[in-house]
Amino acid sequence: MLFNEIIGHDDTRQTLIRAVRHNHVAHAQLFDGPPGGATLALALAFATYVNCENKGPEDACGRCASCVKMSKLAHPDLKVMLPVAGGATSETYLPNWRKLITEHPYRTYEEWFQAVGIKQGNFPVKEVREDLIPKLYLKPYEGEYKIFLIWFPEFLNLESGNALLKVLEEPPAKTLFLLVTNQPEKLLITILSRTQRVAVRAFTDEEVSMHLRQHLNVDEKRARQVAYLADGNLSEAIRLSGEEADRTEDRHAWFADWMRMCYRQDLIALVTQSEEFDKLGKEKQRGLLDYSLNLCRDLFLWKHGARDLLRLPEEERTFVENFGKILEPDFLEHMVSDLNEAAFHIERNVRARMVMLDLSLTFSRLMRQGK
């Protein structure tokens, strides 16, 4: 992975490169950012740059032996630790990880667990003590640094976390730990205190749209629509771009029709809609509820005069401006709360028809009160 392959994040890139060129590389760094962001991509680009044999002022060369091996995620001085299950080690799943990340490095831990067929992962303390620590005291094979990449360290349990902590306190020279997380609040405070945080922001809609256009040949209109739905999660955007266009573009039409039926208090239509919602797969049900939450957020911003913060495509923006005129802020707060609760119930396999009908009747009642 090279820095120039990552859309945006120039400020973070410059900070990382400056640390290497000024010989101020912290021995343990925590790449912390939102799901579907550039945390892993930046960590891999940094690892590539650190051991590049012909570093440039802006990026690794991409051609030396070290860069070629890093592009295949097979550098002998790169040790990768992953959350696994069933008494396995990271080495067991390394081919799966390489395949997944080679496709694109913006993965979430849910995608990782799904790819290897596990429901929950962790880092066995045995791997830290018997695999990581012995390798720690070996000299680098080829590069300047030995690099230990720990992906999703939030899945360290107390025992493995404490074992890692001892290593982080006094590592050998020319040893670099790169921890890549989406949930730093789940890490031990003592681990956080021994790492240098690299804050990685979410992708902007424009960056997501640009990536889809440049790398996946998505047309501009659809790329902007998908970017709005993904809300900075590039992995989600890549997944959505693979769906049929009408599956993503019809979410706005579905939400708009739903709100009109609630406003008209068309109970027969609402019952029919809830039955149709029940027939959808859970993934699409969740997608519709997520879209509804996003639109409610933009409605809330519009109602409070923060129109410059709206991320909406033109059609959705027009709807927000018109629909927002009949809504009170208190109603929007109720909507967000109820939508979150509905998503919670859907995930726990409550009958979708009942969840949807309850939502519709609640929204219809609130709209009637606001008239």
Protein backbone atom coordinates (compact mmCIF):
# COMPACT_ATOMS: atom_id res chain seq x y z
CA MET A 1 0.00 0.00 0.00
CA LEU A 2 1.32 3.43 -0.96
CA PHE A 3 0.17 6.78 0.35
CA ASN A 4 -0.78 7.92 -3.15
CA GLU A 5 -3.30 5.10 -3.37
CA ILE A 6 -5.34 6.60 -0.52
CA ILE A 7 -7.89 9.29 -1.36
CA GLY A 8 -7.41 12.43 0.77
CA HIS A 9 -5.81 12.43 4.26
CA ASP A 10 -2.86 14.49 3.06
CA ASP A 11 -2.32 16.04 6.50
CA THR A 12 -2.00 12.63 8.17
CA ARG A 13 0.30 11.42 5.40
CA GLN A 14 2.57 14.42 5.80
CA THR A 15 2.75 13.95 9.58
CA LEU A 16 3.75 10.28 9.21
CA ILE A 17 6.35 10.98 6.53
CA ARG A 18 7.82 13.87 8.52
CA ALA A 19 8.26 11.60 11.54
CA VAL A 20 10.27 9.12 9.46
CA ARG A 21 12.40 11.73 7.72
CA HIS A 22 13.21 13.47 11.03
CA ASN A 23 13.85 10.14 12.77
CA HIS A 24 11.06 10.74 15.30
CA VAL A 25 9.14 7.51 14.81
CA ALA A 26 7.26 6.49 17.96
CA HIS A 27 7.72 2.79 18.73
CA ALA A 28 3.96 2.23 19.26
CA GLN A 29 1.30 4.05 17.26
CA LEU A 30 -2.47 3.78 17.48
CA PHE A 31 -4.28 4.42 14.20
CA ASP A 32 -7.73 5.38 15.43
CA GLY A 33 -10.64 6.13 13.11
CA PRO A 34 -14.22 5.22 12.17
CA PRO A 35 -15.31 1.93 10.56
CA GLY A 36 -14.68 1.84 6.83
CA GLY A 37 -12.07 4.59 7.13
CA ALA A 38 -8.41 4.82 6.15
CA THR A 39 -6.85 3.53 9.39
CA LEU A 40 -5.46 0.25 8.03
CA ALA A 41 -4.58 1.76 4.65
CA LEU A 42 -2.52 4.51 6.32
CA ALA A 43 -0.84 2.04 8.68
CA LEU A 44 0.16 -0.19 5.75
CA ALA A 45 1.37 2.79 3.70
CA PHE A 46 3.40 3.94 6.71
CA ALA A 47 4.89 0.46 7.17
CA THR A 48 5.79 0.41 3.47
CA TYR A 49 7.44 3.82 3.70
CA VAL A 50 9.43 2.97 6.83
CA ASN A 51 11.20 0.02 5.20
CA CYS A 52 11.34 1.36 1.63
CA GLU A 53 14.88 1.21 0.21
CA ASN A 54 14.43 4.34 -1.93
CA LYS A 55 12.15 6.66 0.03
CA GLY A 56 10.93 9.77 -1.74
CA PRO A 57 9.90 13.01 -0.03
CA GLU A 58 6.20 12.17 -0.51
CA ASP A 59 5.94 8.39 -0.69
CA ALA A 60 7.67 5.03 -0.89
CA CYS A 61 9.16 4.14 -4.27
CA GLY A 62 6.82 1.17 -4.87
CA ARG A 63 9.50 -0.65 -6.87
CA CYS A 64 12.20 -1.87 -4.46
CA ALA A 65 12.17 -5.41 -3.07
CA SER A 66 10.70 -4.22 0.23
CA CYS A 67 7.84 -2.32 -1.43
CA VAL A 68 7.01 -5.25 -3.71
CA LYS A 69 6.79 -7.62 -0.75
CA MET A 70 4.70 -5.15 1.22
CA SER A 71 2.30 -4.81 -1.72
CA LYS A 72 1.70 -8.56 -1.35
CA LEU A 73 1.50 -8.24 2.46
CA ALA A 74 4.29 -10.80 2.64
CA HIS A 75 7.30 -8.88 3.94
CA PRO A 76 9.37 -11.04 6.33
CA ASP A 77 9.68 -8.12 8.78
CA LEU A 78 5.89 -7.64 8.95
CA LYS A 79 4.12 -9.65 11.66
CA VAL A 80 0.33 -9.38 11.56
CA MET A 81 -1.92 -10.21 14.51
CA LEU A 82 -5.65 -10.68 13.96
CA PRO A 83 -8.69 -11.45 16.12
CA VAL A 84 -9.34 -15.18 15.65
CA ALA A 85 -11.40 -17.93 17.26
CA GLY A 86 -11.35 -21.59 18.20
CA GLY A 87 -7.81 -21.72 19.54
CA ALA A 88 -6.35 -20.77 16.14
CA THR A 89 -3.54 -18.27 15.62
CA SER A 90 -3.21 -15.32 13.28
CA GLU A 91 -0.89 -17.36 11.08
CA THR A 92 -3.75 -19.77 10.38
CA TYR A 93 -5.92 -17.02 8.93
CA LEU A 94 -3.19 -14.93 7.30
CA PRO A 95 -3.98 -16.11 3.72
CA ASN A 96 -7.64 -15.10 4.26
CA TRP A 97 -6.55 -11.71 5.54
CA ARG A 98 -4.20 -11.08 2.63
CA LYS A 99 -6.95 -11.92 0.13
CA LEU A 100 -9.48 -9.69 1.87
CA ILE A 101 -7.17 -6.70 2.25
CA THR A 102 -5.70 -7.03 -1.24
CA GLU A 103 -9.22 -6.46 -2.60
CA HIS A 104 -9.39 -3.25 -0.55
CA PRO A 105 -8.05 -2.23 2.90
CA TYR A 106 -11.10 -0.36 4.22
CA ARG A 107 -12.60 -3.38 5.97
CA THR A 108 -14.67 -3.54 9.14
CA TYR A 109 -14.31 -6.22 11.79
CA GLU A 110 -17.77 -7.56 10.81
CA GLU A 111 -16.45 -8.19 7.29
CA TRP A 112 -13.41 -9.96 8.73
CA PHE A 113 -15.48 -12.25 10.95
CA GLN A 114 -17.81 -13.03 8.06
CA ALA A 115 -14.89 -13.77 5.72
CA VAL A 116 -13.44 -16.40 8.07
CA GLY A 117 -16.76 -17.70 9.37
CA ILE A 118 -16.53 -16.72 13.04
CA LYS A 119 -19.04 -14.88 15.22
CA GLN A 120 -16.58 -13.36 17.69
CA GLY A 121 -12.81 -13.07 17.72
CA ASN A 122 -10.04 -12.45 20.22
CA PHE A 123 -6.27 -12.55 20.60
CA PRO A 124 -5.14 -15.70 22.46
CA VAL A 125 -2.63 -14.86 25.17
CA LYS A 126 -0.61 -17.85 23.98
CA GLU A 127 0.03 -16.10 20.65
CA VAL A 128 1.33 -12.98 22.39
CA ARG A 129 3.61 -14.93 24.73
CA GLU A 130 4.83 -17.72 22.44
CA ASP A 131 4.81 -16.09 19.01
CA LEU A 132 5.04 -12.30 19.29
CA ILE A 133 7.52 -12.00 22.17
CA PRO A 134 10.14 -14.45 20.77
CA LYS A 135 10.04 -12.70 17.38
CA LEU A 136 10.38 -9.36 19.08
CA TYR A 137 14.02 -9.99 19.95
CA LEU A 138 15.09 -11.17 16.51
CA LYS A 139 16.89 -8.74 14.24
CA PRO A 140 15.04 -7.50 11.16
CA TYR A 141 15.48 -9.87 8.22
CA GLU A 142 15.68 -7.28 5.47
CA GLY A 143 14.23 -3.92 6.47
CA GLU A 144 15.28 -1.27 8.93
CA TYR A 145 12.36 -2.03 11.26
CA LYS A 146 10.52 -5.08 12.55
CA ILE A 147 6.86 -4.15 12.28
CA PHE A 148 4.06 -5.69 14.34
CA LEU A 149 0.63 -4.80 12.97
CA ILE A 150 -2.22 -5.50 15.41
CA TRP A 151 -5.58 -5.24 13.65
CA PHE A 152 -8.57 -4.46 15.89
CA PRO A 153 -6.74 -4.58 19.26
CA GLU A 154 -10.09 -3.82 20.92
CA PHE A 155 -10.58 -7.60 20.86
CA LEU A 156 -7.64 -8.16 23.20
CA ASN A 157 -8.90 -9.75 26.40
CA LEU A 158 -7.51 -8.73 29.79
CA GLU A 159 -4.87 -11.46 29.84
CA SER A 160 -3.57 -10.93 26.29
CA GLY A 161 -3.80 -7.15 26.75
CA ASN A 162 -1.59 -7.29 29.83
CA ALA A 163 0.88 -9.54 28.02
CA LEU A 164 1.08 -7.02 25.16
CA LEU A 165 1.44 -4.16 27.62
CA LYS A 166 4.69 -5.58 28.98
CA VAL A 167 6.05 -5.67 25.44
CA LEU A 168 5.01 -2.09 24.68
CA GLU A 169 6.78 -0.74 27.77
CA GLU A 170 10.35 -1.49 26.66
CA PRO A 171 10.56 -2.87 23.11
CA PRO A 172 13.91 -3.49 21.40
CA ALA A 173 15.32 -0.81 19.14
CA LYS A 174 14.01 -0.61 15.57
CA THR A 175 10.74 -2.27 16.55
CA LEU A 176 7.49 -0.67 15.49
CA PHE A 177 4.00 -1.51 16.77
CA LEU A 178 1.06 -0.33 14.66
CA LEU A 179 -2.31 -0.81 16.36
CA VAL A 180 -5.33 -0.24 14.11
CA THR A 181 -8.65 0.32 15.87
CA ASN A 182 -12.21 1.57 15.41
CA GLN A 183 -13.05 1.38 19.13
CA PRO A 184 -10.21 2.83 21.25
CA GLU A 185 -12.53 3.13 24.25
CA LYS A 186 -12.41 -0.67 24.56
CA LEU A 187 -8.62 -0.77 24.93
CA LEU A 188 -6.87 -0.92 28.27
CA ILE A 189 -6.05 2.59 29.50
CA THR A 190 -2.47 1.45 30.08
CA ILE A 191 -2.14 0.45 26.42
CA LEU A 192 -3.58 3.78 25.28
CA SER A 193 -1.06 5.61 27.46
CA ARG A 194 1.86 3.81 25.81
CA THR A 195 0.89 4.53 22.23
CA GLN A 196 1.04 7.66 20.11
CA ARG A 197 -2.41 8.31 18.66
CA VAL A 198 -2.78 8.89 14.94
CA ALA A 199 -6.29 10.33 14.55
CA VAL A 200 -7.82 9.33 11.22
CA ARG A 201 -10.95 11.18 10.16
CA ALA A 202 -13.79 9.65 8.17
CA PHE A 203 -13.80 9.99 4.40
CA THR A 204 -15.78 12.92 3.07
CA ASP A 205 -18.62 12.35 0.61
CA GLU A 206 -16.48 13.86 -2.14
CA GLU A 207 -13.60 11.47 -1.37
CA VAL A 208 -15.91 8.46 -1.35
CA SER A 209 -17.47 9.58 -4.62
CA MET A 210 -14.02 10.13 -6.16
CA HIS A 211 -12.83 6.66 -5.11
CA LEU A 212 -15.91 5.03 -6.63
CA ARG A 213 -15.48 6.93 -9.89
CA GLN A 214 -11.74 6.35 -10.21
CA HIS A 215 -11.44 2.76 -8.98
CA LEU A 216 -14.84 1.22 -9.76
CA ASN A 217 -15.95 3.30 -12.76
CA VAL A 218 -19.19 4.33 -11.06
CA ASP A 219 -20.93 7.23 -12.82
CA GLU A 220 -20.95 10.54 -10.99
CA LYS A 221 -24.65 10.69 -10.08
CA ARG A 222 -24.69 7.19 -8.63
CA ALA A 223 -21.34 7.73 -6.88
CA ARG A 224 -22.77 10.75 -5.05
CA GLN A 225 -25.90 8.85 -4.10
CA VAL A 226 -23.86 5.94 -2.71
CA ALA A 227 -21.50 8.33 -0.89
CA TYR A 228 -24.45 9.88 0.92
CA LEU A 229 -25.80 6.47 1.94
CA ALA A 230 -22.37 5.27 3.13
CA ASP A 231 -21.79 8.35 5.32
CA GLY A 232 -17.98 8.22 5.20
CA ASN A 233 -17.69 4.42 5.35
CA LEU A 234 -15.78 3.54 2.18
CA SER A 235 -16.20 -0.19 2.71
CA GLU A 236 -19.97 0.25 2.83
CA ALA A 237 -19.81 2.46 -0.26
CA ILE A 238 -17.90 -0.20 -2.18
CA ARG A 239 -20.50 -2.77 -1.15
CA LEU A 240 -23.42 -0.53 -2.10
CA SER A 241 -21.87 0.28 -5.48
CA GLY A 242 -22.04 -3.43 -6.29
CA GLU A 243 -25.80 -3.49 -5.78
CA GLU A 244 -28.23 -2.86 -8.60
CA ALA A 245 -28.84 0.86 -8.98
CA ASP A 246 -32.50 0.69 -8.12
CA ARG A 247 -31.74 -1.03 -4.81
CA THR A 248 -29.91 2.05 -3.55
CA GLU A 249 -31.73 4.81 -5.40
CA ASP A 250 -35.20 3.62 -4.37
CA ARG A 251 -34.50 4.24 -0.66
CA HIS A 252 -35.39 7.89 -0.97
CA ALA A 253 -38.61 7.11 -2.87
CA TRP A 254 -39.51 4.52 -0.21
CA PHE A 255 -38.95 6.96 2.67
CA ALA A 256 -40.81 9.79 0.95
CA ASP A 257 -43.82 7.53 0.21
CA TRP A 258 -43.78 6.25 3.79
CA MET A 259 -43.87 9.76 5.26
CA ARG A 260 -46.68 10.80 2.91
CA MET A 261 -48.77 7.79 3.98
CA CYS A 262 -48.12 8.60 7.63
CA TYR A 263 -49.10 12.23 7.08
CA ARG A 264 -52.32 11.21 5.27
CA GLN A 265 -52.97 8.57 7.97
CA ASP A 266 -53.61 6.05 5.21
CA LEU A 267 -53.87 2.97 7.44
CA ILE A 268 -54.61 0.51 4.66
CA ALA A 269 -51.52 1.63 2.73
CA LEU A 270 -49.40 1.52 5.91
CA VAL A 271 -50.51 -2.06 6.65
CA THR A 272 -49.66 -3.06 3.08
CA GLN A 273 -46.26 -1.37 3.32
CA SER A 274 -45.46 -3.15 6.59
CA GLU A 275 -46.25 -6.49 4.94
CA GLU A 276 -43.95 -5.65 2.01
CA PHE A 277 -41.23 -4.57 4.44
CA ASP A 278 -41.59 -7.94 6.19
CA LYS A 279 -40.75 -9.77 2.94
CA LEU A 280 -37.41 -7.98 2.50
CA GLY A 281 -34.14 -9.49 3.67
CA LYS A 282 -32.74 -8.24 6.95
CA GLU A 283 -29.89 -6.44 5.18
CA LYS A 284 -32.28 -4.35 3.08
CA GLN A 285 -34.53 -3.71 6.08
CA ARG A 286 -31.53 -2.39 7.98
CA GLY A 287 -30.47 -0.32 4.96
CA LEU A 288 -33.88 1.38 4.77
CA LEU A 289 -33.85 2.18 8.49
CA ASP A 290 -30.27 3.50 8.26
CA TYR A 291 -31.25 5.73 5.36
CA SER A 292 -34.25 6.98 7.35
CA LEU A 293 -31.97 7.88 10.26
CA ASN A 294 -29.60 9.76 7.95
CA LEU A 295 -32.46 11.74 6.46
CA CYS A 296 -33.85 12.55 9.91
CA ARG A 297 -30.45 13.92 10.86
CA ASP A 298 -30.48 16.18 7.82
CA LEU A 299 -34.05 17.23 8.58
CA PHE A 300 -32.91 18.16 12.08
CA LEU A 301 -30.02 20.24 10.70
CA TRP A 302 -32.34 22.02 8.26
CA LYS A 303 -34.87 22.82 10.99
CA HIS A 304 -32.11 24.41 13.08
CA GLY A 305 -30.77 26.56 10.26
CA ALA A 306 -27.59 24.56 9.62
CA ARG A 307 -28.29 24.22 5.92
CA ASP A 308 -24.62 24.45 4.95
CA LEU A 309 -24.02 21.16 6.78
CA LEU A 310 -26.49 19.19 4.66
CA ARG A 311 -24.84 16.40 2.63
CA LEU A 312 -27.91 15.62 0.56
CA PRO A 313 -28.10 15.11 -3.20
CA GLU A 314 -30.44 17.58 -4.93
CA GLU A 315 -33.61 15.44 -4.96
CA GLU A 316 -33.34 14.56 -1.27
CA ARG A 317 -32.54 18.17 -0.39
CA THR A 318 -35.75 19.37 -2.04
CA PHE A 319 -37.73 16.78 -0.10
CA VAL A 320 -36.11 17.82 3.19
CA GLU A 321 -36.90 21.49 2.59
CA ASN A 322 -40.57 20.73 1.83
CA PHE A 323 -41.19 18.01 4.41
CA GLY A 324 -39.30 19.89 7.11
CA LYS A 325 -41.90 22.67 7.01
CA ILE A 326 -44.52 20.46 8.65
CA LEU A 327 -42.27 18.91 11.32
CA GLU A 328 -41.42 20.11 14.78
CA PRO A 329 -37.94 19.44 16.27
CA ASP A 330 -39.51 17.37 19.05
CA PHE A 331 -41.05 15.09 16.45
CA LEU A 332 -37.68 14.52 14.81
CA GLU A 333 -36.19 13.54 18.16
CA HIS A 334 -39.00 10.99 18.57
CA MET A 335 -38.36 9.68 15.05
CA VAL A 336 -34.65 9.14 15.66
CA SER A 337 -35.31 7.40 18.97
CA ASP A 338 -38.01 5.17 17.49
CA LEU A 339 -35.96 4.32 14.39
CA ASN A 340 -33.00 3.29 16.54
CA GLU A 341 -35.27 1.12 18.66
CA ALA A 342 -36.78 -0.45 15.53
CA ALA A 343 -33.31 -1.27 14.17
CA PHE A 344 -32.47 -2.87 17.53
CA HIS A 345 -35.57 -5.09 17.35
CA ILE A 346 -34.97 -6.04 13.70
CA GLU A 347 -31.42 -7.18 14.57
CA ARG A 348 -32.91 -9.40 17.28
CA ASN A 349 -35.37 -11.02 14.89
CA VAL A 350 -38.57 -9.37 16.09
CA ARG A 351 -41.19 -9.73 13.36
CA ALA A 352 -40.44 -6.92 10.91
CA ARG A 353 -44.10 -6.42 9.97
CA MET A 354 -45.02 -5.58 13.55
CA VAL A 355 -42.01 -3.32 14.04
CA MET A 356 -42.78 -1.38 10.86
CA LEU A 357 -46.49 -1.03 11.55
CA ASP A 358 -45.82 0.18 15.09
CA LEU A 359 -43.40 2.80 13.73
CA SER A 360 -45.91 3.96 11.12
CA LEU A 361 -48.78 4.31 13.59
CA THR A 362 -46.53 6.20 16.02
CA PHE A 363 -45.34 8.62 13.32
CA SER A 364 -48.89 9.10 12.05
CA ARG A 365 -50.12 9.95 15.55
CA LEU A 366 -47.28 12.45 16.11
CA MET A 367 -47.95 14.14 12.78
CA ARG A 368 -51.63 14.46 13.64
CA GLN A 369 -50.73 16.10 16.94
CA GLY A 370 -48.53 18.59 15.09
CA LYS A 371 -51.21 19.72 12.70
